[in-house]
Amino acid sequence: MKQSIVHIALVVKDYDEAIDFYVNKLKFELIEDTYQPEQDKRWVVVCPPGSKGVSLLLARASKPEQHDFIGNQSGGRVFLFLNTDDFWRDYKRMLSEGIKFVRPPKEQGYGTVAVFEDLYGNLWDLLQLNEDHPVSIRTTDADQK
């Protein structure tokens, strides 16, 4: 059996401001932005450049109870993990874009990591995993097949 997670829905306040943040500040690619008239919503998908894995579905809050979760989908824990091939390049670029880091860079046993907030306050890890980390090994193996 082969399965994979394709999208993770991220509740946002506004499609266009979310697209602006992810595409212009984080430098993600806009994969799709399609209006769905039958539901009066947009199907907006973004992903990091060069990514072959999970993408983000930017889902505008459409009910009052959904607004409470904008920026706090994980109860204040780090929610998403952005792996990079060059931590310091991306860290410096993100700082220059005004992205707020709430925990400074730190060397860990698995690699280099710092925690930043997206435009709504969701917490992300920016990380560069060591080459011998199981996720790095699995990703490298998959790329070679």
Protein backbone atom coordinates (compact mmCIF):
# COMPACT_ATOMS: atom_id res chain seq x y z
CA MET A 1 0.00 0.00 0.00
CA LYS A 2 1.23 3.49 -0.81
CA GLN A 3 -0.40 6.58 0.65
CA SER A 4 0.62 10.16 1.25
CA ILE A 5 -0.70 13.35 2.76
CA VAL A 6 -1.26 15.79 -0.08
CA HIS A 7 -2.51 19.00 1.59
CA ILE A 8 -2.76 20.47 5.06
CA ALA A 9 -5.55 23.02 5.43
CA LEU A 10 -4.44 26.24 7.09
CA VAL A 11 -7.31 28.47 8.24
CA VAL A 12 -6.72 32.06 7.11
CA LYS A 13 -8.60 35.35 7.49
CA ASP A 14 -8.24 36.46 3.88
CA TYR A 15 -7.04 34.65 0.77
CA ASP A 16 -5.14 37.54 -0.77
CA GLU A 17 -3.24 38.60 2.36
CA ALA A 18 -2.30 34.95 3.00
CA ILE A 19 -1.11 34.54 -0.61
CA ASP A 20 0.91 37.74 -0.26
CA PHE A 21 2.65 36.44 2.88
CA TYR A 22 3.38 32.93 1.64
CA VAL A 23 4.37 33.88 -1.92
CA ASN A 24 6.11 37.22 -1.40
CA LYS A 25 7.65 36.80 2.06
CA LEU A 26 8.24 33.05 2.42
CA LYS A 27 8.83 32.69 -1.34
CA PHE A 28 6.41 29.77 -1.69
CA GLU A 29 4.96 28.96 -5.09
CA LEU A 30 1.29 29.56 -5.82
CA ILE A 31 0.20 26.22 -7.25
CA GLU A 32 -3.50 26.92 -7.68
CA ASP A 33 -6.03 29.68 -7.07
CA THR A 34 -9.39 28.61 -8.41
CA TYR A 35 -12.78 30.10 -7.57
CA GLN A 36 -15.45 27.52 -6.75
CA PRO A 37 -18.78 29.28 -7.37
CA GLU A 38 -20.96 26.45 -6.05
CA GLN A 39 -19.39 26.93 -2.59
CA ASP A 40 -18.43 30.62 -2.98
CA LYS A 41 -14.83 29.93 -1.99
CA ARG A 42 -11.41 29.64 -3.55
CA TRP A 43 -9.16 26.59 -3.74
CA VAL A 44 -5.75 28.13 -2.96
CA VAL A 45 -2.69 25.88 -2.77
CA VAL A 46 0.89 26.98 -2.02
CA CYS A 47 4.11 25.08 -1.38
CA PRO A 48 7.80 25.76 -0.80
CA PRO A 49 9.95 26.06 -3.93
CA GLY A 50 11.11 22.70 -5.20
CA SER A 51 8.84 20.81 -2.80
CA LYS A 52 7.56 17.40 -3.84
CA GLY A 53 5.70 16.79 -0.61
CA VAL A 54 2.79 18.23 1.28
CA SER A 55 1.30 21.55 0.20
CA LEU A 56 -0.78 24.07 2.14
CA LEU A 57 -4.41 24.63 1.30
CA LEU A 58 -5.19 28.18 2.40
CA ALA A 59 -8.75 27.88 3.67
CA ARG A 60 -10.56 31.13 4.49
CA ALA A 61 -12.58 30.93 7.71
CA SER A 62 -16.22 30.88 6.64
CA LYS A 63 -17.98 30.44 9.99
CA PRO A 64 -17.65 32.46 13.20
CA GLU A 65 -16.30 29.47 15.14
CA GLN A 66 -13.52 29.01 12.57
CA HIS A 67 -12.25 32.57 13.14
CA ASP A 68 -11.18 31.58 16.67
CA PHE A 69 -8.62 29.17 15.19
CA ILE A 70 -6.91 31.59 12.82
CA GLY A 71 -3.31 31.70 14.03
CA ASN A 72 -3.86 29.08 16.72
CA GLN A 73 -4.62 25.83 14.96
CA SER A 74 -2.33 23.87 17.23
CA GLY A 75 -3.01 25.46 20.61
CA GLY A 76 0.22 27.46 20.66
CA ARG A 77 2.57 24.64 19.68
CA VAL A 78 4.81 24.67 16.63
CA PHE A 79 2.44 23.61 13.88
CA LEU A 80 4.42 23.38 10.66
CA PHE A 81 8.04 22.53 9.86
CA LEU A 82 9.85 24.14 6.94
CA ASN A 83 13.02 22.22 6.09
CA THR A 84 15.68 23.99 4.03
CA ASP A 85 18.97 23.11 2.38
CA ASP A 86 20.55 26.34 3.71
CA PHE A 87 19.32 27.49 7.11
CA TRP A 88 21.36 30.69 7.36
CA ARG A 89 20.47 31.89 3.85
CA ASP A 90 16.75 31.49 4.53
CA TYR A 91 16.92 32.80 8.09
CA LYS A 92 18.63 36.02 6.97
CA ARG A 93 16.25 36.47 4.04
CA MET A 94 13.21 35.93 6.25
CA LEU A 95 14.51 38.47 8.76
CA SER A 96 14.95 40.98 5.91
CA GLU A 97 11.30 40.34 4.93
CA GLY A 98 10.21 41.27 8.46
CA ILE A 99 9.25 37.76 9.52
CA LYS A 100 9.19 37.56 13.30
CA PHE A 101 11.29 34.87 14.95
CA VAL A 102 10.12 34.02 18.45
CA ARG A 103 13.00 31.65 19.23
CA PRO A 104 16.51 32.30 17.95
CA PRO A 105 18.56 29.80 15.95
CA LYS A 106 19.87 26.87 17.91
CA GLU A 107 21.99 23.86 17.06
CA GLN A 108 20.23 20.64 18.07
CA GLY A 109 21.19 16.99 17.68
CA TYR A 110 18.98 16.77 14.58
CA GLY A 111 20.08 20.05 12.95
CA THR A 112 19.68 23.83 13.12
CA VAL A 113 16.30 25.30 14.08
CA ALA A 114 14.56 28.59 14.84
CA VAL A 115 10.85 29.28 15.45
CA PHE A 116 8.96 31.93 13.49
CA GLU A 117 5.40 33.17 13.24
CA ASP A 118 3.35 33.37 10.09
CA LEU A 119 1.15 36.40 9.44
CA TYR A 120 -1.53 35.13 11.84
CA GLY A 121 0.74 33.87 14.62
CA ASN A 122 0.92 30.15 13.78
CA LEU A 123 4.31 28.84 14.90
CA TRP A 124 6.69 27.26 12.41
CA ASP A 125 10.11 25.67 12.72
CA LEU A 126 12.64 26.76 10.13
CA LEU A 127 15.10 23.92 10.15
CA GLN A 128 17.96 22.33 8.35
CA LEU A 129 18.12 18.69 9.27
CA ASN A 130 21.46 16.92 9.56
CA GLU A 131 22.22 14.66 6.61
CA ASP A 132 22.02 11.59 8.85
CA HIS A 133 18.58 12.49 10.25
CA PRO A 134 15.95 9.82 9.31
CA VAL A 135 13.75 12.32 7.45
CA SER A 136 16.74 13.61 5.46
CA ILE A 137 17.82 10.09 4.63
CA ARG A 138 14.29 9.12 3.54
CA THR A 139 13.92 12.27 1.41
CA THR A 140 17.31 11.76 -0.24
CA ASP A 141 16.51 8.12 -0.97
CA ALA A 142 13.15 9.08 -2.49
CA ASP A 143 14.80 11.71 -4.71
CA GLN A 144 17.20 9.11 -6.10
CA LYS A 145 14.46 6.71 -7.19
